[in-house]
Amino acid sequence: MPVKSDDPLRKVTLNLYEADCQWMEANYGHGWTERLRQLLNFEVHKHKHPTDYHLVRRTLGDLE
């Protein structure tokens, strides 16, 4: 039985490339859809909170 998520989930239909699905299945096994959800969540968080220190690319000009 799947583990309950901390955040509410919504089931959606999503068309993915076959080769990408095969790679995810080969590398992450049965839980590949959860890993995909984590990757998408990271990307959304990165765009919603671009000033988070671990998400911003730093250059020498950023140093004080």
Protein backbone atom coordinates (compact mmCIF):
# COMPACT_ATOMS: atom_id res chain seq x y z
CA MET A 1 0.00 0.00 0.00
CA PRO A 2 1.38 3.46 -0.93
CA VAL A 3 2.59 5.80 1.80
CA LYS A 4 0.40 8.86 2.38
CA SER A 5 1.84 12.12 1.07
CA ASP A 6 2.39 15.11 3.36
CA ASP A 7 0.95 17.43 0.71
CA PRO A 8 -2.35 16.83 -1.09
CA LEU A 9 -1.97 15.07 -4.43
CA ARG A 10 -3.95 15.46 -7.64
CA LYS A 11 -4.07 12.71 -10.22
CA VAL A 12 -3.41 13.99 -13.76
CA THR A 13 -2.94 12.47 -17.19
CA LEU A 14 0.46 13.36 -18.57
CA ASN A 15 1.95 12.29 -21.89
CA LEU A 16 5.61 11.45 -21.47
CA TYR A 17 8.21 10.26 -23.94
CA GLU A 18 8.47 6.46 -23.97
CA ALA A 19 12.26 6.53 -23.79
CA ASP A 20 12.12 8.80 -20.72
CA CYS A 21 9.69 6.44 -18.97
CA GLN A 22 11.89 3.46 -19.75
CA TRP A 23 14.94 5.25 -18.36
CA MET A 24 13.07 6.27 -15.18
CA GLU A 25 11.80 2.70 -14.68
CA ALA A 26 15.28 1.26 -15.21
CA ASN A 27 16.93 3.71 -12.81
CA TYR A 28 14.26 4.19 -10.13
CA GLY A 29 12.20 1.01 -10.38
CA HIS A 30 8.60 0.84 -9.20
CA GLY A 31 8.81 4.26 -7.46
CA TRP A 32 9.79 6.19 -10.56
CA THR A 33 6.58 8.25 -10.58
CA GLU A 34 7.32 9.49 -7.06
CA ARG A 35 10.81 10.50 -8.20
CA LEU A 36 9.27 12.33 -11.15
CA ARG A 37 6.92 14.15 -8.75
CA GLN A 38 9.93 15.18 -6.62
CA LEU A 39 11.81 16.47 -9.67
CA LEU A 40 8.82 18.51 -10.81
CA ASN A 41 8.31 19.88 -7.29
CA PHE A 42 11.97 20.94 -7.17
CA GLU A 43 11.63 22.78 -10.49
CA VAL A 44 8.46 24.56 -9.36
CA HIS A 45 10.08 25.52 -6.03
CA LYS A 46 13.15 26.80 -7.88
CA HIS A 47 10.99 29.19 -9.92
CA LYS A 48 8.73 30.22 -7.04
CA HIS A 49 11.64 30.95 -4.68
CA PRO A 50 14.62 31.96 -6.85
CA THR A 51 16.45 33.61 -3.93
CA ASP A 52 16.86 30.39 -1.91
CA TYR A 53 20.60 30.17 -1.34
CA HIS A 54 20.98 26.60 -2.59
CA LEU A 55 19.05 27.22 -5.80
CA VAL A 56 20.77 30.39 -7.05
CA ARG A 57 23.88 30.17 -9.19
CA ARG A 58 26.54 32.32 -7.60
CA THR A 59 29.17 34.34 -9.41
CA LEU A 60 32.09 36.39 -8.11
CA GLY A 61 29.94 39.50 -8.57
CA ASP A 62 27.49 38.12 -5.98
CA LEU A 63 30.15 38.05 -3.26
CA GLU A 64 30.28 40.97 -0.85
